[in-house]
PDB file of N, CA and C in Angstrom:
ATOM      1  N   MET A   1      -4.926  -6.712  -5.478  1.00  0.00           N
ATOM      2  CA  MET A   1      -3.572  -6.214  -5.298  1.00  0.00           C
ATOM      3  C   MET A   1      -3.384  -5.104  -6.299  1.00  0.00           C
ATOM      4  N   ILE A   2      -2.627  -4.121  -5.827  1.00  0.00           N
ATOM      5  CA  ILE A   2      -2.321  -2.917  -6.613  1.00  0.00           C
ATOM      6  C   ILE A   2      -0.834  -2.680  -6.531  1.00  0.00           C
ATOM      7  N   ILE A   3      -0.261  -2.238  -7.696  1.00  0.00           N
ATOM      8  CA  ILE A   3       1.166  -1.831  -7.668  1.00  0.00           C
ATOM      9  C   ILE A   3       1.072  -0.305  -7.599  1.00  0.00           C
ATOM     10  N   GLY A   4       1.882   0.283  -6.682  1.00  0.00           N
ATOM     11  CA  GLY A   4       1.870   1.726  -6.516  1.00  0.00           C
ATOM     12  C   GLY A   4       3.209   2.286  -6.131  1.00  0.00           C
ATOM     13  N   LYS A   5       3.311   3.575  -5.998  1.00  0.00           N
ATOM     14  CA  LYS A   5       4.557   4.223  -5.597  1.00  0.00           C
ATOM     15  C   LYS A   5       4.281   5.016  -4.304  1.00  0.00           C
ATOM     16  N   VAL A   6       5.156   4.778  -3.310  1.00  0.00           N
ATOM     17  CA  VAL A   6       5.024   5.490  -2.007  1.00  0.00           C
ATOM     18  C   VAL A   6       5.433   7.029  -2.263  1.00  0.00           C
ATOM     19  N   ILE A   7       4.528   7.864  -1.970  1.00  0.00           N
ATOM     20  CA  ILE A   7       4.775   9.304  -2.206  1.00  0.00           C
ATOM     21  C   ILE A   7       4.786  10.131  -0.947  1.00  0.00           C
ATOM     22  N   GLY A   8       4.503   9.548   0.192  1.00  0.00           N
ATOM     23  CA  GLY A   8       4.502  10.340   1.419  1.00  0.00           C
ATOM     24  C   GLY A   8       4.285   9.483   2.658  1.00  0.00           C
ATOM     25  N   THR A   9       4.389  10.111   3.794  1.00  0.00           N
ATOM     26  CA  THR A   9       4.116   9.427   5.089  1.00  0.00           C
ATOM     27  C   THR A   9       3.122  10.273   5.785  1.00  0.00           C
ATOM     28  N   ILE A  10       2.441   9.632   6.763  1.00  0.00           N
ATOM     29  CA  ILE A  10       1.425  10.269   7.608  1.00  0.00           C
ATOM     30  C   ILE A  10       1.993  10.134   9.061  1.00  0.00           C
ATOM     31  N   VAL A  11       1.991  11.292   9.737  1.00  0.00           N
ATOM     32  CA  VAL A  11       2.436  11.339  11.161  1.00  0.00           C
ATOM     33  C   VAL A  11       1.235  11.681  12.005  1.00  0.00           C
ATOM     34  N   THR A  12       1.046  10.807  13.076  1.00  0.00           N
ATOM     35  CA  THR A  12      -0.105  11.033  13.992  1.00  0.00           C
ATOM     36  C   THR A  12       0.374  11.113  15.382  1.00  0.00           C
ATOM     37  N   THR A  13      -0.257  11.864  16.188  1.00  0.00           N
ATOM     38  CA  THR A  13       0.080  11.919  17.628  1.00  0.00           C
ATOM     39  C   THR A  13      -0.751  10.874  18.400  1.00  0.00           C
ATOM     40  N   ILE A  14      -1.899  10.644  17.836  1.00  0.00           N
ATOM     41  CA  ILE A  14      -2.817   9.606  18.434  1.00  0.00           C
ATOM     42  C   ILE A  14      -3.270   8.693  17.310  1.00  0.00           C
ATOM     43  N   SER A  15      -3.116   7.395  17.477  1.00  0.00           N
ATOM     44  CA  SER A  15      -3.629   6.515  16.448  1.00  0.00           C
ATOM     45  C   SER A  15      -4.305   5.295  17.050  1.00  0.00           C
ATOM     46  N   HIS A  16      -5.010   4.588  16.158  1.00  0.00           N
ATOM     47  CA  HIS A  16      -5.749   3.410  16.539  1.00  0.00           C
ATOM     48  C   HIS A  16      -4.772   2.345  17.070  1.00  0.00           C
ATOM     49  N   PRO A  17      -5.145   1.589  18.098  1.00  0.00           N
ATOM     50  CA  PRO A  17      -4.227   0.561  18.618  1.00  0.00           C
ATOM     51  C   PRO A  17      -3.727  -0.445  17.586  1.00  0.00           C
ATOM     52  N   HIS A  18      -4.532  -0.716  16.541  1.00  0.00           N
ATOM     53  CA  HIS A  18      -4.059  -1.619  15.511  1.00  0.00           C
ATOM     54  C   HIS A  18      -2.918  -1.086  14.694  1.00  0.00           C
ATOM     55  N   TYR A  19      -2.686   0.209  14.816  1.00  0.00           N
ATOM     56  CA  TYR A  19      -1.618   0.856  13.994  1.00  0.00           C
ATOM     57  C   TYR A  19      -0.352   1.013  14.750  1.00  0.00           C
ATOM     58  N   LYS A  20      -0.318   0.579  16.037  1.00  0.00           N
ATOM     59  CA  LYS A  20       0.864   0.733  16.887  1.00  0.00           C
ATOM     60  C   LYS A  20       2.031   0.046  16.312  1.00  0.00           C
ATOM     61  N   GLY A  21       3.170   0.818  16.229  1.00  0.00           N
ATOM     62  CA  GLY A  21       4.448   0.266  15.787  1.00  0.00           C
ATOM     63  C   GLY A  21       4.491   0.104  14.282  1.00  0.00           C
ATOM     64  N   ARG A  22       3.543   0.622  13.553  1.00  0.00           N
ATOM     65  CA  ARG A  22       3.511   0.562  12.049  1.00  0.00           C
ATOM     66  C   ARG A  22       3.351   1.929  11.517  1.00  0.00           C
ATOM     67  N   ARG A  23       3.920   2.135  10.317  1.00  0.00           N
ATOM     68  CA  ARG A  23       3.821   3.444   9.692  1.00  0.00           C
ATOM     69  C   ARG A  23       2.664   3.474   8.685  1.00  0.00           C
ATOM     70  N   LEU A  24       2.081   4.683   8.530  1.00  0.00           N
ATOM     71  CA  LEU A  24       1.080   4.905   7.514  1.00  0.00           C
ATOM     72  C   LEU A  24       1.748   5.625   6.338  1.00  0.00           C
ATOM     73  N   LEU A  25       1.590   5.083   5.145  1.00  0.00           N
ATOM     74  CA  LEU A  25       2.200   5.723   3.986  1.00  0.00           C
ATOM     75  C   LEU A  25       1.129   6.049   2.951  1.00  0.00           C
ATOM     76  N   VAL A  26       1.457   7.128   2.157  1.00  0.00           N
ATOM     77  CA  VAL A  26       0.553   7.518   1.083  1.00  0.00           C
ATOM     78  C   VAL A  26       1.021   6.847  -0.186  1.00  0.00           C
ATOM     79  N   VAL A  27       0.151   6.142  -0.859  1.00  0.00           N
ATOM     80  CA  VAL A  27       0.539   5.383  -2.103  1.00  0.00           C
ATOM     81  C   VAL A  27      -0.285   5.908  -3.271  1.00  0.00           C
ATOM     82  N   GLN A  28       0.464   6.062  -4.376  1.00  0.00           N
ATOM     83  CA  GLN A  28      -0.153   6.523  -5.623  1.00  0.00           C
ATOM     84  C   GLN A  28      -0.147   5.270  -6.539  1.00  0.00           C
ATOM     85  N   PRO A  29      -1.320   4.816  -6.917  1.00  0.00           N
ATOM     86  CA  PRO A  29      -1.404   3.666  -7.848  1.00  0.00           C
ATOM     87  C   PRO A  29      -0.663   3.937  -9.175  1.00  0.00           C
ATOM     88  N   LEU A  30       0.028   2.958  -9.673  1.00  0.00           N
ATOM     89  CA  LEU A  30       0.648   3.071 -11.002  1.00  0.00           C
ATOM     90  C   LEU A  30      -0.333   2.622 -12.075  1.00  0.00           C
ATOM     91  N   THR A  31      -0.356   3.290 -13.201  1.00  0.00           N
ATOM     92  CA  THR A  31      -1.234   2.945 -14.296  1.00  0.00           C
ATOM     93  C   THR A  31      -0.425   2.825 -15.624  1.00  0.00           C
ATOM     94  N   LEU A  32      -1.001   2.123 -16.559  1.00  0.00           N
ATOM     95  CA  LEU A  32      -0.401   2.054 -17.851  1.00  0.00           C
ATOM     96  C   LEU A  32      -0.716   3.333 -18.706  1.00  0.00           C
ATOM     97  N   PRO A  33       0.119   3.587 -19.684  1.00  0.00           N
ATOM     98  CA  PRO A  33      -0.135   4.780 -20.454  1.00  0.00           C
ATOM     99  C   PRO A  33      -1.548   4.725 -21.092  1.00  0.00           C
ATOM    100  N   GLY A  34      -2.250   5.780 -21.002  1.00  0.00           N
ATOM    101  CA  GLY A  34      -3.630   5.838 -21.524  1.00  0.00           C
ATOM    102  C   GLY A  34      -4.716   5.465 -20.530  1.00  0.00           C
ATOM    103  N   GLU A  35      -4.313   4.878 -19.407  1.00  0.00           N
ATOM    104  CA  GLU A  35      -5.311   4.555 -18.437  1.00  0.00           C
ATOM    105  C   GLU A  35      -5.587   5.759 -17.510  1.00  0.00           C
ATOM    106  N   GLU A  36      -6.801   5.850 -17.013  1.00  0.00           N
ATOM    107  CA  GLU A  36      -7.148   6.959 -16.106  1.00  0.00           C
ATOM    108  C   GLU A  36      -6.471   6.686 -14.735  1.00  0.00           C
ATOM    109  N   ALA A  37      -5.859   7.777 -14.239  1.00  0.00           N
ATOM    110  CA  ALA A  37      -5.228   7.698 -12.910  1.00  0.00           C
ATOM    111  C   ALA A  37      -6.249   7.620 -11.842  1.00  0.00           C
ATOM    112  N   ARG A  38      -5.961   6.712 -10.845  1.00  0.00           N
ATOM    113  CA  ARG A  38      -6.845   6.573  -9.683  1.00  0.00           C
ATOM    114  C   ARG A  38      -6.250   7.425  -8.559  1.00  0.00           C
ATOM    115  N   GLY A  39      -7.100   7.713  -7.553  1.00  0.00           N
ATOM    116  CA  GLY A  39      -6.691   8.576  -6.445  1.00  0.00           C
ATOM    117  C   GLY A  39      -5.661   7.887  -5.538  1.00  0.00           C
ATOM    118  N   ASP A  40      -4.897   8.730  -4.818  1.00  0.00           N
ATOM    119  CA  ASP A  40      -3.925   8.209  -3.877  1.00  0.00           C
ATOM    120  C   ASP A  40      -4.677   7.676  -2.666  1.00  0.00           C
ATOM    121  N   PHE A  41      -4.035   6.835  -1.864  1.00  0.00           N
ATOM    122  CA  PHE A  41      -4.706   6.243  -0.700  1.00  0.00           C
ATOM    123  C   PHE A  41      -3.655   6.023   0.389  1.00  0.00           C
ATOM    124  N   VAL A  42      -4.120   5.732   1.565  1.00  0.00           N
ATOM    125  CA  VAL A  42      -3.235   5.428   2.722  1.00  0.00           C
ATOM    126  C   VAL A  42      -3.188   3.974   2.908  1.00  0.00           C
ATOM    127  N   ALA A  43      -1.976   3.423   3.231  1.00  0.00           N
ATOM    128  CA  ALA A  43      -1.759   2.006   3.435  1.00  0.00           C
ATOM    129  C   ALA A  43      -0.883   1.835   4.656  1.00  0.00           C
ATOM    130  N   LEU A  44      -1.159   0.842   5.393  1.00  0.00           N
ATOM    131  CA  LEU A  44      -0.330   0.427   6.558  1.00  0.00           C
ATOM    132  C   LEU A  44       0.923  -0.257   6.052  1.00  0.00           C
ATOM    133  N   ASP A  45       2.077   0.087   6.494  1.00  0.00           N
ATOM    134  CA  ASP A  45       3.335  -0.484   6.018  1.00  0.00           C
ATOM    135  C   ASP A  45       3.633  -1.730   6.816  1.00  0.00           C
ATOM    136  N   ASN A  46       3.786  -2.843   6.031  1.00  0.00           N
ATOM    137  CA  ASN A  46       4.135  -4.080   6.632  1.00  0.00           C
ATOM    138  C   ASN A  46       5.497  -4.667   6.076  1.00  0.00           C
ATOM    139  N   SER A  47       6.204  -3.792   5.327  1.00  0.00           N
ATOM    140  CA  SER A  47       7.420  -4.271   4.598  1.00  0.00           C
ATOM    141  C   SER A  47       8.609  -3.318   4.670  1.00  0.00           C
ATOM    142  N   GLN A  48       8.557  -2.306   5.580  1.00  0.00           N
ATOM    143  CA  GLN A  48       9.696  -1.356   5.661  1.00  0.00           C
ATOM    144  C   GLN A  48       9.907  -0.541   4.379  1.00  0.00           C
ATOM    145  N   ALA A  49       8.830  -0.194   3.686  1.00  0.00           N
ATOM    146  CA  ALA A  49       8.872   0.603   2.490  1.00  0.00           C
ATOM    147  C   ALA A  49       9.159   2.063   2.850  1.00  0.00           C
ATOM    148  N   GLY A  50       9.630   2.791   1.853  1.00  0.00           N
ATOM    149  CA  GLY A  50       9.920   4.210   2.074  1.00  0.00           C
ATOM    150  C   GLY A  50       9.490   5.047   0.861  1.00  0.00           C
ATOM    151  N   ILE A  51       9.537   6.349   0.998  1.00  0.00           N
ATOM    152  CA  ILE A  51       9.168   7.262  -0.120  1.00  0.00           C
ATOM    153  C   ILE A  51      10.040   6.884  -1.350  1.00  0.00           C
ATOM    154  N   GLY A  52       9.325   6.787  -2.454  1.00  0.00           N
ATOM    155  CA  GLY A  52      10.007   6.433  -3.677  1.00  0.00           C
ATOM    156  C   GLY A  52       9.954   4.938  -4.071  1.00  0.00           C
ATOM    157  N   ASP A  53       9.681   4.130  -3.100  1.00  0.00           N
ATOM    158  CA  ASP A  53       9.578   2.694  -3.387  1.00  0.00           C
ATOM    159  C   ASP A  53       8.332   2.307  -4.149  1.00  0.00           C
ATOM    160  N   THR A  54       8.437   1.349  -5.069  1.00  0.00           N
ATOM    161  CA  THR A  54       7.333   0.768  -5.725  1.00  0.00           C
ATOM    162  C   THR A  54       6.940  -0.420  -4.893  1.00  0.00           C
ATOM    163  N   VAL A  55       5.636  -0.460  -4.569  1.00  0.00           N
ATOM    164  CA  VAL A  55       5.105  -1.438  -3.592  1.00  0.00           C
ATOM    165  C   VAL A  55       3.925  -2.206  -4.116  1.00  0.00           C
ATOM    166  N   LEU A  56       3.745  -3.361  -3.544  1.00  0.00           N
ATOM    167  CA  LEU A  56       2.592  -4.207  -3.818  1.00  0.00           C
ATOM    168  C   LEU A  56       1.605  -4.069  -2.611  1.00  0.00           C
ATOM    169  N   VAL A  57       0.420  -3.674  -2.885  1.00  0.00           N
ATOM    170  CA  VAL A  57      -0.567  -3.346  -1.815  1.00  0.00           C
ATOM    171  C   VAL A  57      -1.773  -4.249  -1.912  1.00  0.00           C
ATOM    172  N   ASN A  58      -2.189  -4.817  -0.820  1.00  0.00           N
ATOM    173  CA  ASN A  58      -3.409  -5.536  -0.716  1.00  0.00           C
ATOM    174  C   ASN A  58      -4.467  -4.568  -0.252  1.00  0.00           C
ATOM    175  N   ARG A  59      -5.462  -4.238  -1.156  1.00  0.00           N
ATOM    176  CA  ARG A  59      -6.456  -3.242  -0.875  1.00  0.00           C
ATOM    177  C   ARG A  59      -7.834  -3.861  -0.557  1.00  0.00           C
ATOM    178  N   GLU A  60      -7.833  -5.009  -0.030  1.00  0.00           N
ATOM    179  CA  GLU A  60      -9.069  -5.698   0.321  1.00  0.00           C
ATOM    180  C   GLU A  60      -9.058  -5.971   1.808  1.00  0.00           C
ATOM    181  N   GLY A  61     -10.006  -5.431   2.505  1.00  0.00           N
ATOM    182  CA  GLY A  61      -9.991  -5.456   4.002  1.00  0.00           C
ATOM    183  C   GLY A  61      -9.672  -6.811   4.621  1.00  0.00           C
ATOM    184  N   ASN A  62     -10.432  -7.851   4.226  1.00  0.00           N
ATOM    185  CA  ASN A  62     -10.272  -9.097   4.818  1.00  0.00           C
ATOM    186  C   ASN A  62      -8.832  -9.689   4.592  1.00  0.00           C
ATOM    187  N   GLY A  63      -8.308  -9.559   3.371  1.00  0.00           N
ATOM    188  CA  GLY A  63      -6.944  -9.981   3.048  1.00  0.00           C
ATOM    189  C   GLY A  63      -5.927  -9.193   3.848  1.00  0.00           C
ATOM    190  N   ALA A  64      -6.184  -7.906   4.024  1.00  0.00           N
ATOM    191  CA  ALA A  64      -5.233  -7.019   4.759  1.00  0.00           C
ATOM    192  C   ALA A  64      -5.230  -7.473   6.217  1.00  0.00           C
ATOM    193  N   ARG A  65      -6.355  -7.799   6.741  1.00  0.00           N
ATOM    194  CA  ARG A  65      -6.379  -8.301   8.156  1.00  0.00           C
ATOM    195  C   ARG A  65      -5.719  -9.609   8.272  1.00  0.00           C
ATOM    196  N   GLN A  66      -5.821 -10.481   7.287  1.00  0.00           N
ATOM    197  CA  GLN A  66      -5.186 -11.771   7.356  1.00  0.00           C
ATOM    198  C   GLN A  66      -3.662 -11.642   7.330  1.00  0.00           C
ATOM    199  N   VAL A  67      -3.166 -10.687   6.566  1.00  0.00           N
ATOM    200  CA  VAL A  67      -1.683 -10.419   6.500  1.00  0.00           C
ATOM    201  C   VAL A  67      -1.197 -10.066   7.915  1.00  0.00           C
ATOM    202  N   LEU A  68      -1.994  -9.245   8.600  1.00  0.00           N
ATOM    203  CA  LEU A  68      -1.566  -8.800   9.941  1.00  0.00           C
ATOM    204  C   LEU A  68      -1.979  -9.783  11.023  1.00  0.00           C
ATOM    205  N   ASN A  69      -2.641 -10.891  10.641  1.00  0.00           N
ATOM    206  CA  ASN A  69      -3.066 -11.915  11.595  1.00  0.00           C
ATOM    207  C   ASN A  69      -3.881 -11.357  12.695  1.00  0.00           C
ATOM    208  N   ASN A  70      -4.827 -10.421  12.274  1.00  0.00           N
ATOM    209  CA  ASN A  70      -5.741  -9.773  13.239  1.00  0.00           C
ATOM    210  C   ASN A  70      -7.135  -9.610  12.607  1.00  0.00           C
ATOM    211  N   PRO A  71      -8.058 -10.570  12.805  1.00  0.00           N
ATOM    212  CA  PRO A  71      -9.344 -10.532  12.130  1.00  0.00           C
ATOM    213  C   PRO A  71     -10.214  -9.362  12.532  1.00  0.00           C
ATOM    214  N   ASP A  72      -9.891  -8.620  13.532  1.00  0.00           N
ATOM    215  CA  ASP A  72     -10.690  -7.526  13.970  1.00  0.00           C
ATOM    216  C   ASP A  72     -10.060  -6.143  13.695  1.00  0.00           C
ATOM    217  N   ALA A  73      -8.975  -6.161  12.976  1.00  0.00           N
ATOM    218  CA  ALA A  73      -8.225  -4.881  12.715  1.00  0.00           C
ATOM    219  C   ALA A  73      -9.018  -3.901  11.859  1.00  0.00           C
ATOM    220  N   ALA A  74      -8.893  -2.628  12.161  1.00  0.00           N
ATOM    221  CA  ALA A  74      -9.534  -1.559  11.406  1.00  0.00           C
ATOM    222  C   ALA A  74      -8.674  -1.185  10.245  1.00  0.00           C
ATOM    223  N   ILE A  75      -8.416  -2.091   9.278  1.00  0.00           N
ATOM    224  CA  ILE A  75      -7.502  -1.852   8.233  1.00  0.00           C
ATOM    225  C   ILE A  75      -8.127  -2.319   6.859  1.00  0.00           C
ATOM    226  N   ILE A  76      -7.859  -1.496   5.859  1.00  0.00           N
ATOM    227  CA  ILE A  76      -8.302  -1.808   4.463  1.00  0.00           C
ATOM    228  C   ILE A  76      -7.126  -2.118   3.601  1.00  0.00           C
ATOM    229  N   SER A  77      -6.126  -1.281   3.654  1.00  0.00           N
ATOM    230  CA  SER A  77      -4.937  -1.388   2.744  1.00  0.00           C
ATOM    231  C   SER A  77      -3.676  -1.681   3.527  1.00  0.00           C
ATOM    232  N   VAL A  78      -2.875  -2.616   3.086  1.00  0.00           N
ATOM    233  CA  VAL A  78      -1.610  -2.938   3.709  1.00  0.00           C
ATOM    234  C   VAL A  78      -0.543  -3.223   2.630  1.00  0.00           C
ATOM    235  N   ILE A  79       0.615  -2.597   2.798  1.00  0.00           N
ATOM    236  CA  ILE A  79       1.705  -2.834   1.863  1.00  0.00           C
ATOM    237  C   ILE A  79       2.323  -4.221   2.253  1.00  0.00           C
ATOM    238  N   VAL A  80       2.323  -5.151   1.294  1.00  0.00           N
ATOM    239  CA  VAL A  80       2.797  -6.510   1.544  1.00  0.00           C
ATOM    240  C   VAL A  80       4.148  -6.832   0.914  1.00  0.00           C
ATOM    241  N   GLY A  81       4.696  -5.912   0.103  1.00  0.00           N
ATOM    242  CA  GLY A  81       6.019  -6.186  -0.513  1.00  0.00           C
ATOM    243  C   GLY A  81       6.513  -4.959  -1.247  1.00  0.00           C
ATOM    244  N   ILE A  82       7.842  -4.938  -1.426  1.00  0.00           N
ATOM    245  CA  ILE A  82       8.511  -3.925  -2.230  1.00  0.00           C
ATOM    246  C   ILE A  82       8.880  -4.527  -3.552  1.00  0.00           C
ATOM    247  N   VAL A  83       8.517  -3.890  -4.623  1.00  0.00           N
ATOM    248  CA  VAL A  83       8.791  -4.430  -5.994  1.00  0.00           C
ATOM    249  C   VAL A  83      10.131  -3.978  -6.471  1.00  0.00           C
ATOM    250  N   ASP A  84      10.979  -4.994  -6.851  1.00  0.00           N
ATOM    251  CA  ASP A  84      12.296  -4.702  -7.338  1.00  0.00           C
ATOM    252  C   ASP A  84      12.297  -4.158  -8.766  1.00  0.00           C
ATOM    253  N   SER A  85      11.473  -4.742  -9.661  1.00  0.00           N
ATOM    254  CA  SER A  85      11.457  -4.271 -10.983  1.00  0.00           C
ATOM    255  C   SER A  85      10.118  -4.715 -11.621  1.00  0.00           C
ATOM    256  N   THR A  86       9.748  -3.971 -12.707  1.00  0.00           N
ATOM    257  CA  THR A  86       8.540  -4.352 -13.459  1.00  0.00           C
ATOM    258  C   THR A  86       8.887  -4.413 -14.938  1.00  0.00           C
ATOM    259  N   PHE A  87       8.147  -5.226 -15.662  1.00  0.00           N
ATOM    260  CA  PHE A  87       8.238  -5.231 -17.119  1.00  0.00           C
ATOM    261  C   PHE A  87       6.893  -5.371 -17.713  1.00  0.00           C
ATOM    262  N   VAL A  88       6.557  -4.488 -18.686  1.00  0.00           N
ATOM    263  CA  VAL A  88       5.301  -4.484 -19.349  1.00  0.00           C
ATOM    264  C   VAL A  88       5.553  -4.730 -20.802  1.00  0.00           C
ATOM    265  N   GLU A  89       4.844  -5.767 -21.331  1.00  0.00           N
ATOM    266  CA  GLU A  89       5.002  -6.099 -22.741  1.00  0.00           C
ATOM    267  C   GLU A  89       3.709  -5.771 -23.424  1.00  0.00           C
ATOM    268  N   SER A  90       3.884  -5.158 -24.562  1.00  0.00           N
ATOM    269  CA  SER A  90       2.686  -4.817 -25.360  1.00  0.00           C
ATOM    270  C   SER A  90       2.091  -6.094 -26.014  1.00  0.00           C
ATOM    271  N   LEU A  91       0.792  -6.212 -25.970  1.00  0.00           N
ATOM    272  CA  LEU A  91       0.091  -7.393 -26.618  1.00  0.00           C
ATOM    273  C   LEU A  91      -0.183  -7.139 -28.084  1.00  0.00           C
ATOM    274  N   ALA A  92       0.078  -5.976 -28.544  1.00  0.00           N
ATOM    275  CA  ALA A  92      -0.273  -5.582 -29.944  1.00  0.00           C
ATOM    276  C   ALA A  92       0.701  -6.159 -30.922  1.00  0.00           C
TER     277      ALA A  92
END
């Protein structure tokens, strides 16, 4: 699971049948200060997220397919929830 911020949408004229009725969103992983930033990625929206939302993403193919209840789906990343708030406490 990854926490990220939705930074964009993808619009397609033709898409895979497994994507029908769902939006593709661009997600930027959130990192702690001092951590190296990871690259943005595309995730299938399963929670009505929008640009600017902080989201919880399942980035493991088998788990993503289980969320969609489709074991044959061509999906790696799926947004499974919208995060209301986060709190990070220093361990030092």
